[in-house]
Amino acid sequence: MEKSSRHLQEEVDEVTVIMQENLNRVEERSEKLSDLDKRSEILRTHSVRFSKTARKVKVEKQKENRKMKLLLAGGVLLAVLVLIIIIAVVCSHSSKSVDGGAKTTIAPSVNASEG
């Protein structure tokens, strides 16, 4: 009987050690899960901040893009206007020189024999 009770006590001790190890592992896992939860909350906070910043940057870049397009369109419009003015001035000068030579009047010639 003493052997069986000693055997039972050994088994109980063995189970107690196993249970203690399991409890230690559960506590470690709990700490790791708590740490992971804290890190995930920090990551979520950072991602929200990143999203807000990304939206602001996107809006600013869109404004810059619109501004650049307007400046480019204004530059092209200015270049076209300058080109039109140059063409108008050149055409005006060339038509004056052609018209200037054609404005002389020719007097009728008088024939001595006719008159």
PDB file of N, CA and C in Angstrom:
ATOM      1  N   MET A   1       0.793  -1.180   0.000  1.00  0.00           N
ATOM      2  CA  MET A   1       0.000   0.000   0.000  1.00  0.00           C
ATOM      3  C   MET A   1       0.852   1.268   0.000  1.00  0.00           C
ATOM      4  N   GLU A   2       1.913   1.178   0.736  1.00  0.00           N
ATOM      5  CA  GLU A   2       2.792   2.315   0.784  1.00  0.00           C
ATOM      6  C   GLU A   2       3.391   2.610  -0.572  1.00  0.00           C
ATOM      7  N   LYS A   3       3.670   1.593  -1.341  1.00  0.00           N
ATOM      8  CA  LYS A   3       4.211   1.769  -2.694  1.00  0.00           C
ATOM      9  C   LYS A   3       3.199   2.464  -3.578  1.00  0.00           C
ATOM     10  N   SER A   4       1.993   2.041  -3.495  1.00  0.00           N
ATOM     11  CA  SER A   4       0.987   2.642  -4.363  1.00  0.00           C
ATOM     12  C   SER A   4       0.725   4.094  -3.959  1.00  0.00           C
ATOM     13  N   SER A   5       0.756   4.376  -2.683  1.00  0.00           N
ATOM     14  CA  SER A   5       0.551   5.761  -2.266  1.00  0.00           C
ATOM     15  C   SER A   5       1.744   6.616  -2.676  1.00  0.00           C
ATOM     16  N   ARG A   6       2.947   6.077  -2.582  1.00  0.00           N
ATOM     17  CA  ARG A   6       4.125   6.800  -3.037  1.00  0.00           C
ATOM     18  C   ARG A   6       4.056   7.007  -4.541  1.00  0.00           C
ATOM     19  N   HIS A   7       3.631   5.977  -5.228  1.00  0.00           N
ATOM     20  CA  HIS A   7       3.486   6.091  -6.692  1.00  0.00           C
ATOM     21  C   HIS A   7       2.457   7.175  -7.045  1.00  0.00           C
ATOM     22  N   LEU A   8       1.361   7.158  -6.319  1.00  0.00           N
ATOM     23  CA  LEU A   8       0.333   8.181  -6.550  1.00  0.00           C
ATOM     24  C   LEU A   8       0.869   9.576  -6.230  1.00  0.00           C
ATOM     25  N   GLN A   9       1.635   9.685  -5.186  1.00  0.00           N
ATOM     26  CA  GLN A   9       2.209  10.978  -4.822  1.00  0.00           C
ATOM     27  C   GLN A   9       3.178  11.454  -5.900  1.00  0.00           C
ATOM     28  N   GLU A  10       3.958  10.554  -6.451  1.00  0.00           N
ATOM     29  CA  GLU A  10       4.877  10.901  -7.539  1.00  0.00           C
ATOM     30  C   GLU A  10       4.108  11.396  -8.760  1.00  0.00           C
ATOM     31  N   GLU A  11       3.038  10.705  -9.073  1.00  0.00           N
ATOM     32  CA  GLU A  11       2.214  11.127 -10.207  1.00  0.00           C
ATOM     33  C   GLU A  11       1.602  12.506  -9.946  1.00  0.00           C
ATOM     34  N   VAL A  12       1.137  12.704  -8.718  1.00  0.00           N
ATOM     35  CA  VAL A  12       0.545  13.996  -8.358  1.00  0.00           C
ATOM     36  C   VAL A  12       1.625  15.088  -8.456  1.00  0.00           C
ATOM     37  N   ASP A  13       2.803  14.791  -7.980  1.00  0.00           N
ATOM     38  CA  ASP A  13       3.901  15.759  -8.061  1.00  0.00           C
ATOM     39  C   ASP A  13       4.246  16.066  -9.523  1.00  0.00           C
ATOM     40  N   GLU A  14       4.280  15.024 -10.320  1.00  0.00           N
ATOM     41  CA  GLU A  14       4.572  15.203 -11.757  1.00  0.00           C
ATOM     42  C   GLU A  14       3.507  16.056 -12.428  1.00  0.00           C
ATOM     43  N   VAL A  15       2.265  15.784 -12.146  1.00  0.00           N
ATOM     44  CA  VAL A  15       1.157  16.552 -12.712  1.00  0.00           C
ATOM     45  C   VAL A  15       1.229  18.002 -12.208  1.00  0.00           C
ATOM     46  N   THR A  16       1.597  18.172 -10.935  1.00  0.00           N
ATOM     47  CA  THR A  16       1.724  19.514 -10.367  1.00  0.00           C
ATOM     48  C   THR A  16       2.811  20.310 -11.094  1.00  0.00           C
ATOM     49  N   VAL A  17       3.930  19.668 -11.389  1.00  0.00           N
ATOM     50  CA  VAL A  17       5.009  20.332 -12.123  1.00  0.00           C
ATOM     51  C   VAL A  17       4.527  20.717 -13.520  1.00  0.00           C
ATOM     52  N   ILE A  18       3.855  19.788 -14.177  1.00  0.00           N
ATOM     53  CA  ILE A  18       3.333  20.057 -15.516  1.00  0.00           C
ATOM     54  C   ILE A  18       2.326  21.212 -15.472  1.00  0.00           C
ATOM     55  N   MET A  19       1.469  21.199 -14.480  1.00  0.00           N
ATOM     56  CA  MET A  19       0.471  22.267 -14.344  1.00  0.00           C
ATOM     57  C   MET A  19       1.165  23.611 -14.087  1.00  0.00           C
ATOM     58  N   GLN A  20       2.213  23.599 -13.262  1.00  0.00           N
ATOM     59  CA  GLN A  20       2.957  24.830 -12.972  1.00  0.00           C
ATOM     60  C   GLN A  20       3.619  25.363 -14.244  1.00  0.00           C
ATOM     61  N   GLU A  21       4.207  24.484 -15.024  1.00  0.00           N
ATOM     62  CA  GLU A  21       4.808  24.880 -16.309  1.00  0.00           C
ATOM     63  C   GLU A  21       3.759  25.454 -17.242  1.00  0.00           C
ATOM     64  N   ASN A  22       2.604  24.809 -17.294  1.00  0.00           N
ATOM     65  CA  ASN A  22       1.513  25.306 -18.145  1.00  0.00           C
ATOM     66  C   ASN A  22       1.050  26.693 -17.693  1.00  0.00           C
ATOM     67  N   LEU A  23       0.948  26.891 -16.380  1.00  0.00           N
ATOM     68  CA  LEU A  23       0.550  28.200 -15.870  1.00  0.00           C
ATOM     69  C   LEU A  23       1.596  29.261 -16.215  1.00  0.00           C
ATOM     70  N   ASN A  24       2.869  28.902 -16.109  1.00  0.00           N
ATOM     71  CA  ASN A  24       3.931  29.841 -16.485  1.00  0.00           C
ATOM     72  C   ASN A  24       3.846  30.197 -17.969  1.00  0.00           C
ATOM     73  N   ARG A  25       3.602  29.212 -18.796  1.00  0.00           N
ATOM     74  CA  ARG A  25       3.473  29.460 -20.246  1.00  0.00           C
ATOM     75  C   ARG A  25       2.270  30.358 -20.542  1.00  0.00           C
ATOM     76  N   VAL A  26       1.160  30.083 -19.851  1.00  0.00           N
ATOM     77  CA  VAL A  26      -0.036  30.906 -20.051  1.00  0.00           C
ATOM     78  C   VAL A  26       0.252  32.352 -19.647  1.00  0.00           C
ATOM     79  N   GLU A  27       0.967  32.541 -18.549  1.00  0.00           N
ATOM     80  CA  GLU A  27       1.310  33.889 -18.097  1.00  0.00           C
ATOM     81  C   GLU A  27       2.226  34.575 -19.115  1.00  0.00           C
ATOM     82  N   GLU A  28       3.204  33.856 -19.666  1.00  0.00           N
ATOM     83  CA  GLU A  28       4.088  34.415 -20.694  1.00  0.00           C
ATOM     84  C   GLU A  28       3.296  34.811 -21.934  1.00  0.00           C
ATOM     85  N   ARG A  29       2.396  33.924 -22.344  1.00  0.00           N
ATOM     86  CA  ARG A  29       1.562  34.225 -23.511  1.00  0.00           C
ATOM     87  C   ARG A  29       0.695  35.447 -23.257  1.00  0.00           C
ATOM     88  N   SER A  30       0.174  35.540 -22.052  1.00  0.00           N
ATOM     89  CA  SER A  30      -0.665  36.687 -21.709  1.00  0.00           C
ATOM     90  C   SER A  30       0.140  37.976 -21.794  1.00  0.00           C
ATOM     91  N   GLU A  31       1.375  37.942 -21.288  1.00  0.00           N
ATOM     92  CA  GLU A  31       2.234  39.122 -21.373  1.00  0.00           C
ATOM     93  C   GLU A  31       2.547  39.460 -22.831  1.00  0.00           C
ATOM     94  N   LYS A  32       2.838  38.436 -23.619  1.00  0.00           N
ATOM     95  CA  LYS A  32       3.139  38.666 -25.036  1.00  0.00           C
ATOM     96  C   LYS A  32       1.925  39.217 -25.766  1.00  0.00           C
ATOM     97  N   LEU A  33       0.743  38.673 -25.447  1.00  0.00           N
ATOM     98  CA  LEU A  33      -0.482  39.176 -26.081  1.00  0.00           C
ATOM     99  C   LEU A  33      -0.752  40.622 -25.672  1.00  0.00           C
ATOM    100  N   SER A  34      -0.499  40.938 -24.422  1.00  0.00           N
ATOM    101  CA  SER A  34      -0.684  42.308 -23.951  1.00  0.00           C
ATOM    102  C   SER A  34       0.271  43.245 -24.671  1.00  0.00           C
ATOM    103  N   ASP A  35       1.524  42.825 -24.808  1.00  0.00           N
ATOM    104  CA  ASP A  35       2.506  43.628 -25.536  1.00  0.00           C
ATOM    105  C   ASP A  35       2.097  43.785 -27.001  1.00  0.00           C
ATOM    106  N   LEU A  36       1.644  42.705 -27.594  1.00  0.00           N
ATOM    107  CA  LEU A  36       1.195  42.752 -28.989  1.00  0.00           C
ATOM    108  C   LEU A  36      -0.010  43.679 -29.138  1.00  0.00           C
ATOM    109  N   ASP A  37      -0.906  43.653 -28.179  1.00  0.00           N
ATOM    110  CA  ASP A  37      -2.073  44.528 -28.213  1.00  0.00           C
ATOM    111  C   ASP A  37      -1.645  45.995 -28.136  1.00  0.00           C
ATOM    112  N   LYS A  38      -0.676  46.296 -27.266  1.00  0.00           N
ATOM    113  CA  LYS A  38      -0.172  47.670 -27.155  1.00  0.00           C
ATOM    114  C   LYS A  38       0.469  48.110 -28.467  1.00  0.00           C
ATOM    115  N   ARG A  39       1.281  47.224 -29.044  1.00  0.00           N
ATOM    116  CA  ARG A  39       1.938  47.566 -30.312  1.00  0.00           C
ATOM    117  C   ARG A  39       0.919  47.763 -31.427  1.00  0.00           C
ATOM    118  N   SER A  40      -0.105  46.928 -31.458  1.00  0.00           N
ATOM    119  CA  SER A  40      -1.113  47.076 -32.518  1.00  0.00           C
ATOM    120  C   SER A  40      -1.890  48.375 -32.356  1.00  0.00           C
ATOM    121  N   GLU A  41      -2.126  48.800 -31.124  1.00  0.00           N
ATOM    122  CA  GLU A  41      -2.816  50.069 -30.887  1.00  0.00           C
ATOM    123  C   GLU A  41      -1.943  51.241 -31.337  1.00  0.00           C
ATOM    124  N   ILE A  42      -0.645  51.163 -31.044  1.00  0.00           N
ATOM    125  CA  ILE A  42       0.283  52.203 -31.499  1.00  0.00           C
ATOM    126  C   ILE A  42       0.309  52.238 -33.027  1.00  0.00           C
ATOM    127  N   LEU A  43       0.355  51.068 -33.635  1.00  0.00           N
ATOM    128  CA  LEU A  43       0.375  50.988 -35.099  1.00  0.00           C
ATOM    129  C   LEU A  43      -0.905  51.561 -35.695  1.00  0.00           C
ATOM    130  N   ARG A  44      -2.030  51.279 -35.076  1.00  0.00           N
ATOM    131  CA  ARG A  44      -3.300  51.820 -35.557  1.00  0.00           C
ATOM    132  C   ARG A  44      -3.297  53.342 -35.465  1.00  0.00           C
ATOM    133  N   THR A  45      -2.799  53.869 -34.350  1.00  0.00           N
ATOM    134  CA  THR A  45      -2.721  55.319 -34.170  1.00  0.00           C
ATOM    135  C   THR A  45      -1.830  55.942 -35.247  1.00  0.00           C
ATOM    136  N   HIS A  46      -0.694  55.307 -35.485  1.00  0.00           N
ATOM    137  CA  HIS A  46       0.222  55.820 -36.513  1.00  0.00           C
ATOM    138  C   HIS A  46      -0.410  55.744 -37.902  1.00  0.00           C
ATOM    139  N   SER A  47      -1.151  54.687 -38.164  1.00  0.00           N
ATOM    140  CA  SER A  47      -1.771  54.561 -39.487  1.00  0.00           C
ATOM    141  C   SER A  47      -2.847  55.618 -39.698  1.00  0.00           C
ATOM    142  N   VAL A  48      -3.594  55.935 -38.648  1.00  0.00           N
ATOM    143  CA  VAL A  48      -4.607  56.999 -38.756  1.00  0.00           C
ATOM    144  C   VAL A  48      -3.918  58.328 -39.027  1.00  0.00           C
ATOM    145  N   ARG A  49      -2.833  58.608 -38.312  1.00  0.00           N
ATOM    146  CA  ARG A  49      -2.089  59.847 -38.515  1.00  0.00           C
ATOM    147  C   ARG A  49      -1.515  59.892 -39.928  1.00  0.00           C
ATOM    148  N   PHE A  50      -0.994  58.763 -40.385  1.00  0.00           N
ATOM    149  CA  PHE A  50      -0.433  58.698 -41.743  1.00  0.00           C
ATOM    150  C   PHE A  50      -1.511  58.974 -42.786  1.00  0.00           C
ATOM    151  N   SER A  51      -2.692  58.392 -42.591  1.00  0.00           N
ATOM    152  CA  SER A  51      -3.787  58.598 -43.542  1.00  0.00           C
ATOM    153  C   SER A  51      -4.175  60.074 -43.619  1.00  0.00           C
ATOM    154  N   LYS A  52      -4.264  60.724 -42.473  1.00  0.00           N
ATOM    155  CA  LYS A  52      -4.613  62.150 -42.459  1.00  0.00           C
ATOM    156  C   LYS A  52      -3.544  62.971 -43.174  1.00  0.00           C
ATOM    157  N   THR A  53      -2.291  62.671 -42.877  1.00  0.00           N
ATOM    158  CA  THR A  53      -1.193  63.400 -43.517  1.00  0.00           C
ATOM    159  C   THR A  53      -1.190  63.152 -45.024  1.00  0.00           C
ATOM    160  N   ALA A  54      -1.430  61.912 -45.420  1.00  0.00           N
ATOM    161  CA  ALA A  54      -1.449  61.579 -46.849  1.00  0.00           C
ATOM    162  C   ALA A  54      -2.558  62.343 -47.563  1.00  0.00           C
ATOM    163  N   ARG A  55      -3.727  62.457 -46.934  1.00  0.00           N
ATOM    164  CA  ARG A  55      -4.821  63.218 -47.540  1.00  0.00           C
ATOM    165  C   ARG A  55      -4.448  64.689 -47.693  1.00  0.00           C
ATOM    166  N   LYS A  56      -3.825  65.258 -46.653  1.00  0.00           N
ATOM    167  CA  LYS A  56      -3.411  66.667 -46.724  1.00  0.00           C
ATOM    168  C   LYS A  56      -2.402  66.877 -47.841  1.00  0.00           C
ATOM    169  N   VAL A  57      -1.438  65.984 -47.934  1.00  0.00           N
ATOM    170  CA  VAL A  57      -0.419  66.100 -48.982  1.00  0.00           C
ATOM    171  C   VAL A  57      -1.060  65.975 -50.356  1.00  0.00           C
ATOM    172  N   LYS A  58      -2.014  65.063 -50.483  1.00  0.00           N
ATOM    173  CA  LYS A  58      -2.697  64.870 -51.761  1.00  0.00           C
ATOM    174  C   LYS A  58      -3.418  66.150 -52.178  1.00  0.00           C
ATOM    175  N   VAL A  59      -4.127  66.764 -51.241  1.00  0.00           N
ATOM    176  CA  VAL A  59      -4.855  67.995 -51.548  1.00  0.00           C
ATOM    177  C   VAL A  59      -3.875  69.103 -51.930  1.00  0.00           C
ATOM    178  N   GLU A  60      -2.776  69.217 -51.189  1.00  0.00           N
ATOM    179  CA  GLU A  60      -1.780  70.251 -51.501  1.00  0.00           C
ATOM    180  C   GLU A  60      -1.178  70.033 -52.884  1.00  0.00           C
ATOM    181  N   LYS A  61      -0.879  68.790 -53.211  1.00  0.00           N
ATOM    182  CA  LYS A  61      -0.294  68.492 -54.523  1.00  0.00           C
ATOM    183  C   LYS A  61      -1.294  68.764 -55.634  1.00  0.00           C
ATOM    184  N   GLN A  62      -2.573  68.482 -55.388  1.00  0.00           N
ATOM    185  CA  GLN A  62      -3.592  68.784 -56.393  1.00  0.00           C
ATOM    186  C   GLN A  62      -3.679  70.293 -56.622  1.00  0.00           C
ATOM    187  N   LYS A  63      -3.588  71.077 -55.532  1.00  0.00           N
ATOM    188  CA  LYS A  63      -3.601  72.540 -55.676  1.00  0.00           C
ATOM    189  C   LYS A  63      -2.384  73.007 -56.469  1.00  0.00           C
ATOM    190  N   GLU A  64      -1.217  72.461 -56.135  1.00  0.00           N
ATOM    191  CA  GLU A  64      -0.006  72.819 -56.876  1.00  0.00           C
ATOM    192  C   GLU A  64      -0.146  72.457 -58.350  1.00  0.00           C
ATOM    193  N   ASN A  65      -0.720  71.305 -58.613  1.00  0.00           N
ATOM    194  CA  ASN A  65      -0.898  70.841 -59.992  1.00  0.00           C
ATOM    195  C   ASN A  65      -1.823  71.787 -60.753  1.00  0.00           C
ATOM    196  N   ARG A  66      -2.925  72.190 -60.114  1.00  0.00           N
ATOM    197  CA  ARG A  66      -3.840  73.134 -60.758  1.00  0.00           C
ATOM    198  C   ARG A  66      -3.133  74.459 -61.034  1.00  0.00           C
ATOM    199  N   LYS A  67      -2.360  74.914 -60.048  1.00  0.00           N
ATOM    200  CA  LYS A  67      -1.643  76.179 -60.196  1.00  0.00           C
ATOM    201  C   LYS A  67      -0.674  76.101 -61.377  1.00  0.00           C
ATOM    202  N   MET A  68       0.051  75.007 -61.476  1.00  0.00           N
ATOM    203  CA  MET A  68       1.013  74.843 -62.568  1.00  0.00           C
ATOM    204  C   MET A  68       0.297  74.782 -63.916  1.00  0.00           C
ATOM    205  N   LYS A  69      -0.843  74.108 -63.959  1.00  0.00           N
ATOM    206  CA  LYS A  69      -1.604  74.048 -65.212  1.00  0.00           C
ATOM    207  C   LYS A  69      -2.081  75.437 -65.618  1.00  0.00           C
ATOM    208  N   LEU A  70      -2.550  76.220 -64.643  1.00  0.00           N
ATOM    209  CA  LEU A  70      -2.989  77.581 -64.951  1.00  0.00           C
ATOM    210  C   LEU A  70      -1.829  78.437 -65.437  1.00  0.00           C
ATOM    211  N   LEU A  71      -0.674  78.300 -64.781  1.00  0.00           N
ATOM    212  CA  LEU A  71       0.501  79.056 -65.224  1.00  0.00           C
ATOM    213  C   LEU A  71       0.919  78.641 -66.627  1.00  0.00           C
ATOM    214  N   LEU A  72       0.879  77.356 -66.902  1.00  0.00           N
ATOM    215  CA  LEU A  72       1.248  76.864 -68.230  1.00  0.00           C
ATOM    216  C   LEU A  72       0.262  77.371 -69.281  1.00  0.00           C
ATOM    217  N   ALA A  73      -1.027  77.310 -68.965  1.00  0.00           N
ATOM    218  CA  ALA A  73      -2.030  77.810 -69.906  1.00  0.00           C
ATOM    219  C   ALA A  73      -1.855  79.308 -70.132  1.00  0.00           C
ATOM    220  N   GLY A  74      -1.570  80.060 -69.065  1.00  0.00           N
ATOM    221  CA  GLY A  74      -1.331  81.498 -69.201  1.00  0.00           C
ATOM    222  C   GLY A  74      -0.105  81.778 -70.061  1.00  0.00           C
ATOM    223  N   GLY A  75       0.940  80.993 -69.872  1.00  0.00           N
ATOM    224  CA  GLY A  75       2.150  81.162 -70.682  1.00  0.00           C
ATOM    225  C   GLY A  75       1.900  80.876 -72.146  1.00  0.00           C
ATOM    226  N   VAL A  76       1.148  79.820 -72.411  1.00  0.00           N
ATOM    227  CA  VAL A  76       0.825  79.484 -73.804  1.00  0.00           C
ATOM    228  C   VAL A  76      -0.045  80.576 -74.410  1.00  0.00           C
ATOM    229  N   LEU A  77      -1.019  81.057 -73.661  1.00  0.00           N
ATOM    230  CA  LEU A  77      -1.887  82.130 -74.148  1.00  0.00           C
ATOM    231  C   LEU A  77      -1.069  83.397 -74.435  1.00  0.00           C
ATOM    232  N   LEU A  78      -0.159  83.718 -73.545  1.00  0.00           N
ATOM    233  CA  LEU A  78       0.701  84.884 -73.744  1.00  0.00           C
ATOM    234  C   LEU A  78       1.569  84.709 -74.993  1.00  0.00           C
ATOM    235  N   ALA A  79       2.124  83.524 -75.181  1.00  0.00           N
ATOM    236  CA  ALA A  79       2.956  83.260 -76.357  1.00  0.00           C
ATOM    237  C   ALA A  79       2.137  83.392 -77.637  1.00  0.00           C
ATOM    238  N   VAL A  80       0.902  82.882 -77.628  1.00  0.00           N
ATOM    239  CA  VAL A  80       0.037  82.984 -78.801  1.00  0.00           C
ATOM    240  C   VAL A  80      -0.289  84.447 -79.093  1.00  0.00           C
ATOM    241  N   LEU A  81      -0.594  85.223 -78.046  1.00  0.00           N
ATOM    242  CA  LEU A  81      -0.893  86.642 -78.240  1.00  0.00           C
ATOM    243  C   LEU A  81       0.312  87.386 -78.803  1.00  0.00           C
ATOM    244  N   VAL A  82       1.495  87.107 -78.280  1.00  0.00           N
ATOM    245  CA  VAL A  82       2.706  87.748 -78.796  1.00  0.00           C
ATOM    246  C   VAL A  82       2.908  87.373 -80.257  1.00  0.00           C
ATOM    247  N   LEU A  83       2.692  86.116 -80.585  1.00  0.00           N
ATOM    248  CA  LEU A  83       2.835  85.657 -81.974  1.00  0.00           C
ATOM    249  C   LEU A  83       1.831  86.356 -82.883  1.00  0.00           C
ATOM    250  N   ILE A  84       0.598  86.503 -82.438  1.00  0.00           N
ATOM    251  CA  ILE A  84      -0.429  87.193 -83.232  1.00  0.00           C
ATOM    252  C   ILE A  84      -0.043  88.656 -83.437  1.00  0.00           C
ATOM    253  N   ILE A  85       0.449  89.303 -82.389  1.00  0.00           N
ATOM    254  CA  ILE A  85       0.859  90.706 -82.501  1.00  0.00           C
ATOM    255  C   ILE A  85       2.019  90.836 -83.481  1.00  0.00           C
ATOM    256  N   ILE A  86       2.992  89.956 -83.384  1.00  0.00           N
ATOM    257  CA  ILE A  86       4.136  90.005 -84.298  1.00  0.00           C
ATOM    258  C   ILE A  86       3.682  89.812 -85.741  1.00  0.00           C
ATOM    259  N   ILE A  87       2.803  88.845 -85.973  1.00  0.00           N
ATOM    260  CA  ILE A  87       2.297  88.605 -87.332  1.00  0.00           C
ATOM    261  C   ILE A  87       1.521  89.822 -87.825  1.00  0.00           C
ATOM    262  N   ALA A  88       0.703  90.424 -86.959  1.00  0.00           N
ATOM    263  CA  ALA A  88      -0.074  91.609 -87.356  1.00  0.00           C
ATOM    264  C   ALA A  88       0.850  92.771 -87.704  1.00  0.00           C
ATOM    265  N   VAL A  89       1.893  92.974 -86.920  1.00  0.00           N
ATOM    266  CA  VAL A  89       2.828  94.066 -87.185  1.00  0.00           C
ATOM    267  C   VAL A  89       3.570  93.823 -88.490  1.00  0.00           C
ATOM    268  N   VAL A  90       4.026  92.606 -88.721  1.00  0.00           N
ATOM    269  CA  VAL A  90       4.756  92.287 -89.953  1.00  0.00           C
ATOM    270  C   VAL A  90       3.847  92.452 -91.164  1.00  0.00           C
ATOM    271  N   CYS A  91       2.624  91.970 -91.071  1.00  0.00           N
ATOM    272  CA  CYS A  91       1.680  92.107 -92.189  1.00  0.00           C
ATOM    273  C   CYS A  91       1.353  93.582 -92.430  1.00  0.00           C
ATOM    274  N   SER A  92       1.225  94.345 -91.380  1.00  0.00           N
ATOM    275  CA  SER A  92       0.910  95.760 -91.510  1.00  0.00           C
ATOM    276  C   SER A  92       2.047  96.502 -92.207  1.00  0.00           C
ATOM    277  N   HIS A  93       3.275  96.210 -91.847  1.00  0.00           N
ATOM    278  CA  HIS A  93       4.420  96.874 -92.480  1.00  0.00           C
ATOM    279  C   HIS A  93       4.579  96.450 -93.936  1.00  0.00           C
ATOM    280  N   SER A  94       4.349  95.200 -94.215  1.00  0.00           N
ATOM    281  CA  SER A  94       4.519  94.749 -95.604  1.00  0.00           C
ATOM    282  C   SER A  94       3.412  95.295 -96.500  1.00  0.00           C
ATOM    283  N   SER A  95       2.214  95.453 -95.990  1.00  0.00           N
ATOM    284  CA  SER A  95       1.131  95.996 -96.824  1.00  0.00           C
ATOM    285  C   SER A  95       1.330  97.487 -97.043  1.00  0.00           C
ATOM    286  N   LYS A  96       1.924  98.197 -96.081  1.00  0.00           N
ATOM    287  CA  LYS A  96       2.190  99.631 -96.266  1.00  0.00           C
ATOM    288  C   LYS A  96       3.248  99.839 -97.333  1.00  0.00           C
ATOM    289  N   SER A  97       4.257  99.024 -97.392  1.00  0.00           N
ATOM    290  CA  SER A  97       5.301  99.211 -98.397  1.00  0.00           C
ATOM    291  C   SER A  97       4.793  98.860 -99.783  1.00  0.00           C
ATOM    292  N   VAL A  98       3.908  97.912 -99.905  1.00  0.00           N
ATOM    293  CA  VAL A  98       3.333  97.573-101.212  1.00  0.00           C
ATOM    294  C   VAL A  98       2.363  98.659-101.642  1.00  0.00           C
ATOM    295  N   ASP A  99       1.505  99.130-100.727  1.00  0.00           N
ATOM    296  CA  ASP A  99       0.525 100.164-101.047  1.00  0.00           C
ATOM    297  C   ASP A  99       1.206 101.512-101.277  1.00  0.00           C
ATOM    298  N   GLY A 100       2.288 101.787-100.610  1.00  0.00           N
ATOM    299  CA  GLY A 100       2.984 103.069-100.747  1.00  0.00           C
ATOM    300  C   GLY A 100       3.490 103.286-102.154  1.00  0.00           C
ATOM    301  N   GLY A 101       3.955 102.297-102.845  1.00  0.00           N
ATOM    302  CA  GLY A 101       4.457 102.432-104.206  1.00  0.00           C
ATOM    303  C   GLY A 101       3.333 102.484-105.213  1.00  0.00           C
ATOM    304  N   ALA A 102       2.153 102.010-104.914  1.00  0.00           N
ATOM    305  CA  ALA A 102       1.061 101.945-105.880  1.00  0.00           C
ATOM    306  C   ALA A 102       0.194 103.189-105.843  1.00  0.00           C
ATOM    307  N   LYS A 103       0.418 104.099-104.939  1.00  0.00           N
ATOM    308  CA  LYS A 103      -0.448 105.259-104.788  1.00  0.00           C
ATOM    309  C   LYS A 103      -0.056 106.423-105.704  1.00  0.00           C
ATOM    310  N   THR A 104       0.936 106.300-106.530  1.00  0.00           N
ATOM    311  CA  THR A 104       1.312 107.395-107.448  1.00  0.00           C
ATOM    312  C   THR A 104       0.288 107.475-108.570  1.00  0.00           C
ATOM    313  N   THR A 105      -0.061 108.691-108.900  1.00  0.00           N
ATOM    314  CA  THR A 105      -1.063 108.885-109.960  1.00  0.00           C
ATOM    315  C   THR A 105      -0.344 109.170-111.264  1.00  0.00           C
ATOM    316  N   ILE A 106      -0.924 108.696-112.315  1.00  0.00           N
ATOM    317  CA  ILE A 106      -0.351 108.896-113.646  1.00  0.00           C
ATOM    318  C   ILE A 106      -1.179 109.973-114.339  1.00  0.00           C
ATOM    319  N   ALA A 107      -0.452 111.040-114.741  1.00  0.00           N
ATOM    320  CA  ALA A 107      -1.154 112.129-115.433  1.00  0.00           C
ATOM    321  C   ALA A 107      -1.357 111.731-116.882  1.00  0.00           C
ATOM    322  N   PRO A 108      -2.470 112.169-117.449  1.00  0.00           N
ATOM    323  CA  PRO A 108      -2.702 111.810-118.850  1.00  0.00           C
ATOM    324  C   PRO A 108      -1.676 112.504-119.721  1.00  0.00           C
ATOM    325  N   SER A 109      -1.196 111.790-120.620  1.00  0.00           N
ATOM    326  CA  SER A 109      -0.200 112.366-121.534  1.00  0.00           C
ATOM    327  C   SER A 109      -0.890 113.167-122.611  1.00  0.00           C
ATOM    328  N   VAL A 110      -0.321 114.280-122.877  1.00  0.00           N
ATOM    329  CA  VAL A 110      -0.888 115.156-123.906  1.00  0.00           C
ATOM    330  C   VAL A 110      -0.062 114.994-125.173  1.00  0.00           C
ATOM    331  N   ASN A 111      -0.726 114.686-126.215  1.00  0.00           N
ATOM    332  CA  ASN A 111      -0.050 114.512-127.520  1.00  0.00           C
ATOM    333  C   ASN A 111      -0.052 115.856-128.230  1.00  0.00           C
ATOM    334  N   ALA A 112       1.050 116.238-128.667  1.00  0.00           N
ATOM    335  CA  ALA A 112       1.156 117.524-129.361  1.00  0.00           C
ATOM    336  C   ALA A 112       0.413 117.486-130.669  1.00  0.00           C
ATOM    337  N   SER A 113       0.285 116.409-131.235  1.00  0.00           N
ATOM    338  CA  SER A 113      -0.386 116.325-132.517  1.00  0.00           C
ATOM    339  C   SER A 113      -1.893 116.371-132.343  1.00  0.00           C
ATOM    340  N   GLU A 114      -2.394 116.018-131.228  1.00  0.00           N
ATOM    341  CA  GLU A 114      -3.829 115.986-131.030  1.00  0.00           C
ATOM    342  C   GLU A 114      -4.349 117.353-130.635  1.00  0.00           C
ATOM    343  N   GLY A 115      -3.755 118.065-129.999  1.00  0.00           N
ATOM    344  CA  GLY A 115      -4.265 119.220-129.481  1.00  0.00           C
ATOM    345  C   GLY A 115      -4.348 120.510-130.032  1.00  0.00           C
TER     346      GLY A 115
END
